[in-house]
N, C-alpha and C. Protein backbone atom coordinates (compact mmCIF):
# COMPACT_ATOMS: atom_id res chain seq x y z
N MET A 1 11.31 -16.15 2.65
CA MET A 1 11.30 -14.75 3.03
C MET A 1 10.11 -14.08 2.35
N VAL A 2 9.33 -13.32 3.12
CA VAL A 2 8.21 -12.56 2.59
C VAL A 2 8.63 -11.10 2.55
N VAL A 3 8.48 -10.48 1.39
CA VAL A 3 8.87 -9.09 1.21
C VAL A 3 7.68 -8.31 0.68
N GLN A 4 7.44 -7.15 1.24
CA GLN A 4 6.36 -6.29 0.78
C GLN A 4 6.85 -5.39 -0.34
N GLY A 5 5.96 -5.09 -1.25
CA GLY A 5 6.29 -4.19 -2.34
C GLY A 5 5.02 -3.58 -2.88
N ARG A 6 5.18 -2.72 -3.86
CA ARG A 6 4.06 -2.02 -4.46
C ARG A 6 4.32 -1.95 -5.97
N VAL A 7 3.26 -2.06 -6.75
CA VAL A 7 3.40 -1.95 -8.20
C VAL A 7 3.41 -0.48 -8.58
N GLU A 8 4.44 -0.07 -9.30
CA GLU A 8 4.57 1.29 -9.79
C GLU A 8 4.90 1.23 -11.27
N ASN A 9 4.02 1.78 -12.08
CA ASN A 9 4.21 1.76 -13.54
C ASN A 9 4.41 0.34 -14.06
N GLY A 10 3.67 -0.60 -13.47
CA GLY A 10 3.72 -1.98 -13.94
C GLY A 10 4.91 -2.79 -13.44
N VAL A 11 5.71 -2.21 -12.56
CA VAL A 11 6.90 -2.90 -12.04
C VAL A 11 6.78 -3.01 -10.53
N VAL A 12 7.12 -4.16 -9.96
CA VAL A 12 7.08 -4.33 -8.51
C VAL A 12 8.31 -3.66 -7.91
N VAL A 13 8.06 -2.72 -7.01
CA VAL A 13 9.13 -2.03 -6.29
C VAL A 13 9.04 -2.49 -4.85
N PHE A 14 10.09 -3.15 -4.37
CA PHE A 14 10.10 -3.67 -3.02
C PHE A 14 10.39 -2.56 -2.02
N ALA A 15 10.11 -2.84 -0.76
CA ALA A 15 10.38 -1.87 0.31
C ALA A 15 11.84 -1.46 0.24
N GLU A 16 12.10 -0.25 0.68
CA GLU A 16 13.45 0.30 0.59
C GLU A 16 14.47 -0.61 1.28
N GLY A 17 15.59 -0.82 0.63
CA GLY A 17 16.65 -1.63 1.19
C GLY A 17 16.58 -3.10 0.80
N VAL A 18 15.46 -3.54 0.23
CA VAL A 18 15.32 -4.94 -0.16
C VAL A 18 15.91 -5.11 -1.55
N ARG A 19 16.89 -5.99 -1.66
CA ARG A 19 17.52 -6.24 -2.95
C ARG A 19 17.70 -7.74 -3.12
N PHE A 20 17.57 -8.18 -4.36
CA PHE A 20 17.81 -9.58 -4.69
C PHE A 20 18.97 -9.64 -5.68
N PRO A 21 19.71 -10.74 -5.66
CA PRO A 21 20.80 -10.88 -6.63
C PRO A 21 20.23 -10.92 -8.05
N GLU A 22 20.98 -10.38 -8.98
CA GLU A 22 20.58 -10.40 -10.39
C GLU A 22 20.32 -11.83 -10.82
N GLY A 23 19.21 -12.06 -11.50
CA GLY A 23 18.86 -13.38 -11.98
C GLY A 23 18.11 -14.23 -10.97
N GLN A 24 17.93 -13.72 -9.75
CA GLN A 24 17.22 -14.47 -8.71
C GLN A 24 15.78 -14.74 -9.16
N LEU A 25 15.35 -15.97 -9.04
CA LEU A 25 13.98 -16.35 -9.37
C LEU A 25 13.10 -16.04 -8.16
N VAL A 26 12.04 -15.28 -8.37
CA VAL A 26 11.13 -14.92 -7.28
C VAL A 26 9.70 -15.21 -7.70
N THR A 27 8.82 -15.31 -6.74
CA THR A 27 7.40 -15.45 -6.99
C THR A 27 6.71 -14.22 -6.40
N VAL A 28 5.91 -13.56 -7.20
CA VAL A 28 5.16 -12.40 -6.73
C VAL A 28 3.69 -12.78 -6.76
N GLU A 29 3.03 -12.64 -5.61
CA GLU A 29 1.63 -13.00 -5.52
C GLU A 29 0.87 -11.86 -4.86
N SER A 30 -0.17 -11.43 -5.51
CA SER A 30 -1.01 -10.38 -4.96
C SER A 30 -1.61 -10.85 -3.65
N LEU A 31 -1.66 -9.97 -2.68
CA LEU A 31 -2.26 -10.32 -1.40
C LEU A 31 -3.71 -10.72 -1.60
N ALA A 32 -4.42 -10.04 -2.48
CA ALA A 32 -5.82 -10.37 -2.74
C ALA A 32 -5.95 -11.79 -3.30
N VAL A 33 -5.04 -12.18 -4.16
CA VAL A 33 -5.07 -13.52 -4.75
C VAL A 33 -4.79 -14.56 -3.68
N GLN A 34 -3.83 -14.29 -2.81
CA GLN A 34 -3.50 -15.25 -1.76
C GLN A 34 -4.70 -15.46 -0.84
N VAL A 35 -5.35 -14.38 -0.44
CA VAL A 35 -6.50 -14.51 0.45
C VAL A 35 -7.62 -15.25 -0.24
N GLU A 36 -7.85 -14.94 -1.52
CA GLU A 36 -8.91 -15.63 -2.28
C GLU A 36 -8.63 -17.12 -2.40
N ARG A 37 -7.37 -17.46 -2.66
CA ARG A 37 -6.99 -18.85 -2.87
C ARG A 37 -7.02 -19.65 -1.57
N THR A 38 -6.50 -19.07 -0.49
CA THR A 38 -6.35 -19.83 0.74
C THR A 38 -7.41 -19.52 1.78
N GLY A 39 -8.01 -18.36 1.69
CA GLY A 39 -8.98 -17.95 2.70
C GLY A 39 -8.33 -17.40 3.96
N VAL A 40 -7.00 -17.39 4.01
CA VAL A 40 -6.30 -16.86 5.19
C VAL A 40 -5.13 -15.99 4.74
N ILE A 41 -4.68 -15.17 5.67
CA ILE A 41 -3.50 -14.34 5.44
C ILE A 41 -2.40 -14.85 6.36
N SER A 42 -1.20 -14.99 5.84
CA SER A 42 -0.09 -15.49 6.65
C SER A 42 0.20 -14.52 7.79
N PRO A 43 0.78 -15.02 8.88
CA PRO A 43 1.12 -14.14 10.01
C PRO A 43 2.04 -13.00 9.60
N GLU A 44 2.98 -13.26 8.68
CA GLU A 44 3.89 -12.22 8.22
C GLU A 44 3.12 -11.11 7.51
N ARG A 45 2.18 -11.49 6.67
CA ARG A 45 1.40 -10.49 5.94
C ARG A 45 0.43 -9.77 6.87
N GLN A 46 -0.12 -10.48 7.85
CA GLN A 46 -0.97 -9.82 8.83
C GLN A 46 -0.19 -8.73 9.56
N ALA A 47 1.04 -9.06 9.95
CA ALA A 47 1.88 -8.08 10.65
C ALA A 47 2.19 -6.89 9.75
N ALA A 48 2.48 -7.17 8.47
CA ALA A 48 2.77 -6.08 7.53
C ALA A 48 1.55 -5.19 7.34
N LEU A 49 0.37 -5.78 7.25
CA LEU A 49 -0.85 -4.99 7.10
C LEU A 49 -1.13 -4.16 8.35
N ARG A 50 -0.90 -4.75 9.52
CA ARG A 50 -1.10 -3.98 10.76
C ARG A 50 -0.15 -2.79 10.79
N HIS A 51 1.08 -3.00 10.32
CA HIS A 51 2.05 -1.90 10.28
C HIS A 51 1.57 -0.79 9.34
N LEU A 52 1.07 -1.17 8.16
CA LEU A 52 0.58 -0.16 7.23
C LEU A 52 -0.60 0.60 7.81
N ILE A 53 -1.51 -0.11 8.44
CA ILE A 53 -2.66 0.55 9.06
C ILE A 53 -2.18 1.51 10.13
N GLY A 54 -1.18 1.10 10.88
CA GLY A 54 -0.62 1.97 11.91
C GLY A 54 -0.03 3.25 11.33
N LEU A 55 0.55 3.17 10.13
CA LEU A 55 1.09 4.37 9.49
C LEU A 55 0.00 5.37 9.15
N TRP A 56 -1.18 4.87 8.80
CA TRP A 56 -2.28 5.74 8.39
C TRP A 56 -3.08 6.26 9.58
N LYS A 57 -2.98 5.60 10.71
CA LYS A 57 -3.80 5.94 11.86
C LYS A 57 -3.34 7.26 12.47
N THR A 58 -4.31 8.09 12.85
CA THR A 58 -4.01 9.34 13.54
C THR A 58 -4.91 9.45 14.76
N ASP A 59 -4.59 10.41 15.61
CA ASP A 59 -5.42 10.67 16.79
C ASP A 59 -6.57 11.62 16.46
N ARG A 60 -6.55 12.17 15.26
CA ARG A 60 -7.59 13.12 14.86
C ARG A 60 -8.85 12.38 14.44
N PRO A 61 -10.00 13.04 14.61
CA PRO A 61 -11.24 12.43 14.12
C PRO A 61 -11.26 12.47 12.59
N PRO A 62 -12.05 11.62 11.96
CA PRO A 62 -12.11 11.64 10.49
C PRO A 62 -12.65 12.99 10.01
N PRO A 63 -12.26 13.40 8.80
CA PRO A 63 -12.73 14.69 8.29
C PRO A 63 -14.23 14.66 8.01
N THR A 64 -14.83 15.83 8.12
CA THR A 64 -16.25 15.96 7.80
C THR A 64 -16.41 15.96 6.28
N ASP A 65 -17.63 15.83 5.81
CA ASP A 65 -17.89 15.87 4.36
C ASP A 65 -17.39 17.20 3.78
N GLU A 66 -17.60 18.29 4.51
CA GLU A 66 -17.15 19.60 4.03
C GLU A 66 -15.64 19.65 3.91
N GLU A 67 -14.93 19.09 4.90
CA GLU A 67 -13.47 19.07 4.86
C GLU A 67 -12.96 18.21 3.71
N VAL A 68 -13.61 17.09 3.47
CA VAL A 68 -13.23 16.22 2.35
C VAL A 68 -13.39 16.97 1.04
N GLU A 69 -14.50 17.67 0.88
CA GLU A 69 -14.74 18.44 -0.34
C GLU A 69 -13.68 19.53 -0.51
N GLN A 70 -13.30 20.17 0.58
CA GLN A 70 -12.27 21.21 0.55
C GLN A 70 -10.92 20.60 0.14
N ILE A 71 -10.58 19.46 0.69
CA ILE A 71 -9.33 18.77 0.34
C ILE A 71 -9.34 18.38 -1.13
N ARG A 72 -10.47 17.86 -1.60
CA ARG A 72 -10.60 17.45 -3.00
C ARG A 72 -10.42 18.65 -3.92
N GLU A 73 -11.09 19.75 -3.61
CA GLU A 73 -10.98 20.95 -4.45
C GLU A 73 -9.55 21.49 -4.45
N GLN A 74 -8.90 21.47 -3.29
CA GLN A 74 -7.52 21.93 -3.21
C GLN A 74 -6.60 21.06 -4.06
N SER A 75 -6.80 19.75 -4.02
CA SER A 75 -5.98 18.84 -4.82
C SER A 75 -6.19 19.08 -6.31
N LEU A 76 -7.44 19.30 -6.72
CA LEU A 76 -7.73 19.58 -8.13
C LEU A 76 -7.08 20.88 -8.57
N MET A 77 -7.09 21.89 -7.70
CA MET A 77 -6.46 23.16 -8.03
C MET A 77 -4.95 22.99 -8.18
N GLU A 78 -4.34 22.20 -7.28
CA GLU A 78 -2.90 21.95 -7.38
C GLU A 78 -2.55 21.19 -8.65
N LYS A 79 -3.42 20.25 -9.03
CA LYS A 79 -3.14 19.42 -10.19
C LYS A 79 -3.40 20.15 -11.50
N TYR A 80 -4.53 20.86 -11.59
CA TYR A 80 -4.95 21.45 -12.86
C TYR A 80 -4.85 22.98 -12.89
N GLY A 81 -4.54 23.61 -11.76
CA GLY A 81 -4.47 25.07 -11.73
C GLY A 81 -5.85 25.67 -11.73
N GLN A 82 -5.92 26.93 -12.10
CA GLN A 82 -7.19 27.66 -12.05
C GLN A 82 -8.03 27.24 -13.18
């Protein structure tokens, strides 16, 4: 079984709903390491990557440099205030 997850604060958090029995032995391999080692991506991982790309895809054109700068400034203001 191939399960997708993400590292958060140094801990692998699997996709929602994925649970393993306590004490279950698992192998966690970075996608980058797998591709480097084998030179290929498994069909399951290819499908998962296509799904992720689909989540990010929009019908809108990419933002202009000015819009990116505006988004960046807005994010900094939200994070650090005035």
